[in-house]
Amino acid sequence: QVQLVESGGGLVQAGGSLRLSCAASGSIFSFNAMGWFRQAPGKQREWLATMTSGGSTNYADSVKGRFTISRDSATNTVYLEMNSLKPEDTAVYYCRANKLGAWVGSWGQGTQVTVSS
């Protein structure tokens, strides 16, 4: 089972940027897609972005145009570039792997992003 470790979170002012990383213990191409999610305090976990093994991307409306998912196949790392951050982006961010249409594995520790106004 692949292990995914998220990093790169922190405290940033509104309008700022952060880049999150998701390091996989194995090849990300063993999965059909990789994705990012977040969970804000008191709210349900929210899907944000997906990148398929073929490179296609899809985004939630809440982050479209501000967030970009990318990958580095050499290091088996998936990134989430976040720009124009808003206080409502404050959440714990997680990455997951998708196989045959299902998100597999367990939720990791995530990485905390806090956006101050």
C-alpha atoms as a PDB file:
ATOM      1  CA  GLN A   1       0.000   0.000   0.000  1.00  0.00           C
ATOM      2  CA  VAL A   2       1.400   3.370  -0.955  1.00  0.00           C
ATOM      3  CA  GLN A   3       2.196   5.813   1.784  1.00  0.00           C
ATOM      4  CA  LEU A   4       1.524   9.484   1.126  1.00  0.00           C
ATOM      5  CA  VAL A   5       3.089  12.253   3.191  1.00  0.00           C
ATOM      6  CA  GLU A   6       1.864  15.805   2.854  1.00  0.00           C
ATOM      7  CA  SER A   7       4.002  18.853   3.638  1.00  0.00           C
ATOM      8  CA  GLY A   8       4.397  22.516   2.854  1.00  0.00           C
ATOM      9  CA  GLY A   9       1.589  24.035   4.861  1.00  0.00           C
ATOM     10  CA  GLY A  10       1.953  27.078   7.044  1.00  0.00           C
ATOM     11  CA  LEU A  11       0.640  30.495   7.953  1.00  0.00           C
ATOM     12  CA  VAL A  12       0.199  32.972   5.125  1.00  0.00           C
ATOM     13  CA  GLN A  13      -1.579  36.289   4.673  1.00  0.00           C
ATOM     14  CA  ALA A  14      -4.603  36.602   2.450  1.00  0.00           C
ATOM     15  CA  GLY A  15      -3.532  37.019  -1.153  1.00  0.00           C
ATOM     16  CA  GLY A  16      -0.387  34.999  -0.598  1.00  0.00           C
ATOM     17  CA  SER A  17       0.772  31.695  -2.020  1.00  0.00           C
ATOM     18  CA  LEU A  18       1.888  28.293  -0.816  1.00  0.00           C
ATOM     19  CA  ARG A  19       3.004  25.110  -2.516  1.00  0.00           C
ATOM     20  CA  LEU A  20       2.030  21.829  -0.917  1.00  0.00           C
ATOM     21  CA  SER A  21       3.842  18.579  -1.574  1.00  0.00           C
ATOM     22  CA  CYS A  22       2.675  14.986  -1.406  1.00  0.00           C
ATOM     23  CA  ALA A  23       5.486  12.456  -1.400  1.00  0.00           C
ATOM     24  CA  ALA A  24       4.527   8.915  -2.367  1.00  0.00           C
ATOM     25  CA  SER A  25       6.447   5.847  -1.230  1.00  0.00           C
ATOM     26  CA  GLY A  26       5.952   4.233  -4.614  1.00  0.00           C
ATOM     27  CA  SER A  27       5.239   5.153  -8.188  1.00  0.00           C
ATOM     28  CA  ILE A  28       2.324   7.536  -8.584  1.00  0.00           C
ATOM     29  CA  PHE A  29       1.799   5.996 -12.018  1.00  0.00           C
ATOM     30  CA  SER A  30       0.615   2.793 -10.395  1.00  0.00           C
ATOM     31  CA  PHE A  31      -2.590   4.745  -9.792  1.00  0.00           C
ATOM     32  CA  ASN A  32      -5.152   6.109 -12.222  1.00  0.00           C
ATOM     33  CA  ALA A  33      -5.069   9.523 -10.591  1.00  0.00           C
ATOM     34  CA  MET A  34      -3.845  11.573  -7.658  1.00  0.00           C
ATOM     35  CA  GLY A  35      -5.894  14.159  -5.846  1.00  0.00           C
ATOM     36  CA  TRP A  36      -5.982  16.817  -3.162  1.00  0.00           C
ATOM     37  CA  PHE A  37      -8.630  17.328  -0.500  1.00  0.00           C
ATOM     38  CA  ARG A  38      -9.059  19.617   2.475  1.00  0.00           C
ATOM     39  CA  GLN A  39     -11.032  19.734   5.687  1.00  0.00           C
ATOM     40  CA  ALA A  40     -11.792  22.964   7.479  1.00  0.00           C
ATOM     41  CA  PRO A  41     -12.804  23.025  11.147  1.00  0.00           C
ATOM     42  CA  GLY A  42     -16.407  21.958  11.569  1.00  0.00           C
ATOM     43  CA  LYS A  43     -16.813  21.156   7.878  1.00  0.00           C
ATOM     44  CA  GLN A  44     -16.851  18.032   5.754  1.00  0.00           C
ATOM     45  CA  ARG A  45     -13.813  17.009   3.815  1.00  0.00           C
ATOM     46  CA  GLU A  46     -13.800  18.659   0.379  1.00  0.00           C
ATOM     47  CA  TRP A  47     -12.293  17.427  -2.875  1.00  0.00           C
ATOM     48  CA  LEU A  48     -10.143  20.083  -4.568  1.00  0.00           C
ATOM     49  CA  ALA A  49      -8.232  18.759  -7.550  1.00  0.00           C
ATOM     50  CA  THR A  50      -7.331  15.629  -9.494  1.00  0.00           C
ATOM     51  CA  MET A  51      -4.600  14.800 -11.962  1.00  0.00           C
ATOM     52  CA  THR A  52      -4.941  11.591 -13.958  1.00  0.00           C
ATOM     53  CA  SER A  53      -2.020   9.403 -14.945  1.00  0.00           C
ATOM     54  CA  GLY A  54      -2.433  10.848 -18.425  1.00  0.00           C
ATOM     55  CA  GLY A  55      -2.004  14.378 -17.139  1.00  0.00           C
ATOM     56  CA  SER A  56      -5.594  15.608 -17.307  1.00  0.00           C
ATOM     57  CA  THR A  57      -6.644  17.872 -14.456  1.00  0.00           C
ATOM     58  CA  ASN A  58      -9.922  18.800 -12.837  1.00  0.00           C
ATOM     59  CA  TYR A  59     -10.696  21.311 -10.102  1.00  0.00           C
ATOM     60  CA  ALA A  60     -13.440  22.189  -7.687  1.00  0.00           C
ATOM     61  CA  ASP A  61     -15.132  25.483  -8.493  1.00  0.00           C
ATOM     62  CA  SER A  62     -13.955  26.883  -5.163  1.00  0.00           C
ATOM     63  CA  VAL A  63     -10.297  26.704  -6.231  1.00  0.00           C
ATOM     64  CA  LYS A  64     -10.433  26.812 -10.031  1.00  0.00           C
ATOM     65  CA  GLY A  65      -8.120  29.472 -11.393  1.00  0.00           C
ATOM     66  CA  ARG A  66      -6.243  29.799  -8.082  1.00  0.00           C
ATOM     67  CA  PHE A  67      -4.890  26.306  -7.393  1.00  0.00           C
ATOM     68  CA  THR A  68      -2.816  24.120  -9.715  1.00  0.00           C
ATOM     69  CA  ILE A  69      -2.077  20.418  -9.313  1.00  0.00           C
ATOM     70  CA  SER A  70       1.145  19.092 -10.806  1.00  0.00           C
ATOM     71  CA  ARG A  71       3.561  16.210 -10.381  1.00  0.00           C
ATOM     72  CA  ASP A  72       7.187  15.220 -10.590  1.00  0.00           C
ATOM     73  CA  SER A  73       7.429  11.662 -11.887  1.00  0.00           C
ATOM     74  CA  ALA A  74      11.122  11.417 -11.025  1.00  0.00           C
ATOM     75  CA  THR A  75      10.453  11.910  -7.324  1.00  0.00           C
ATOM     76  CA  ASN A  76       6.891  10.539  -7.179  1.00  0.00           C
ATOM     77  CA  THR A  77       5.687  13.813  -5.735  1.00  0.00           C
ATOM     78  CA  VAL A  78       2.409  15.571  -6.363  1.00  0.00           C
ATOM     79  CA  TYR A  79       2.114  19.305  -5.754  1.00  0.00           C
ATOM     80  CA  LEU A  80      -0.666  21.765  -5.120  1.00  0.00           C
ATOM     81  CA  GLU A  81       0.285  25.324  -5.981  1.00  0.00           C
ATOM     82  CA  MET A  82      -2.096  27.682  -4.186  1.00  0.00           C
ATOM     83  CA  ASN A  83      -2.317  31.352  -5.154  1.00  0.00           C
ATOM     84  CA  SER A  84      -4.566  34.229  -4.119  1.00  0.00           C
ATOM     85  CA  LEU A  85      -5.248  32.492  -0.846  1.00  0.00           C
ATOM     86  CA  LYS A  86      -8.303  33.482   1.168  1.00  0.00           C
ATOM     87  CA  PRO A  87      -9.107  33.024   4.865  1.00  0.00           C
ATOM     88  CA  GLU A  88     -11.700  30.439   3.837  1.00  0.00           C
ATOM     89  CA  ASP A  89      -8.891  28.294   2.421  1.00  0.00           C
ATOM     90  CA  THR A  90      -7.786  27.624   5.998  1.00  0.00           C
ATOM     91  CA  ALA A  91      -7.923  23.853   6.453  1.00  0.00           C
ATOM     92  CA  VAL A  92      -5.904  20.678   6.752  1.00  0.00           C
ATOM     93  CA  TYR A  93      -4.905  19.546   3.259  1.00  0.00           C
ATOM     94  CA  TYR A  94      -4.563  15.909   2.231  1.00  0.00           C
ATOM     95  CA  CYS A  95      -3.551  13.990  -0.850  1.00  0.00           C
ATOM     96  CA  ARG A  96      -4.962  10.644  -1.968  1.00  0.00           C
ATOM     97  CA  ALA A  97      -4.430   8.094  -4.702  1.00  0.00           C
ATOM     98  CA  ASN A  98      -7.191   6.861  -6.955  1.00  0.00           C
ATOM     99  CA  LYS A  99      -7.400   3.399  -8.467  1.00  0.00           C
ATOM    100  CA  LEU A 100     -10.188   2.411 -10.833  1.00  0.00           C
ATOM    101  CA  GLY A 101     -12.410   5.236  -9.675  1.00  0.00           C
ATOM    102  CA  ALA A 102     -11.975   4.765  -5.933  1.00  0.00           C
ATOM    103  CA  TRP A 103      -9.781   6.719  -3.529  1.00  0.00           C
ATOM    104  CA  VAL A 104      -7.555   4.109  -1.903  1.00  0.00           C
ATOM    105  CA  GLY A 105      -5.504   3.929   1.233  1.00  0.00           C
ATOM    106  CA  SER A 106      -6.050   5.787   4.461  1.00  0.00           C
ATOM    107  CA  TRP A 107      -6.002   9.506   5.181  1.00  0.00           C
ATOM    108  CA  GLY A 108      -2.580  10.731   6.201  1.00  0.00           C
ATOM    109  CA  GLN A 109      -1.690  13.422   8.716  1.00  0.00           C
ATOM    110  CA  GLY A 110      -2.267  16.170   6.223  1.00  0.00           C
ATOM    111  CA  THR A 111      -0.660  19.589   6.319  1.00  0.00           C
ATOM    112  CA  GLN A 112      -2.217  22.626   7.985  1.00  0.00           C
ATOM    113  CA  VAL A 113      -2.774  25.779   5.955  1.00  0.00           C
ATOM    114  CA  THR A 114      -3.834  28.908   7.795  1.00  0.00           C
ATOM    115  CA  VAL A 115      -4.668  32.083   5.907  1.00  0.00           C
ATOM    116  CA  SER A 116      -4.908  35.257   7.941  1.00  0.00           C
ATOM    117  CA  SER A 117      -7.006  38.231   6.904  1.00  0.00           C
END
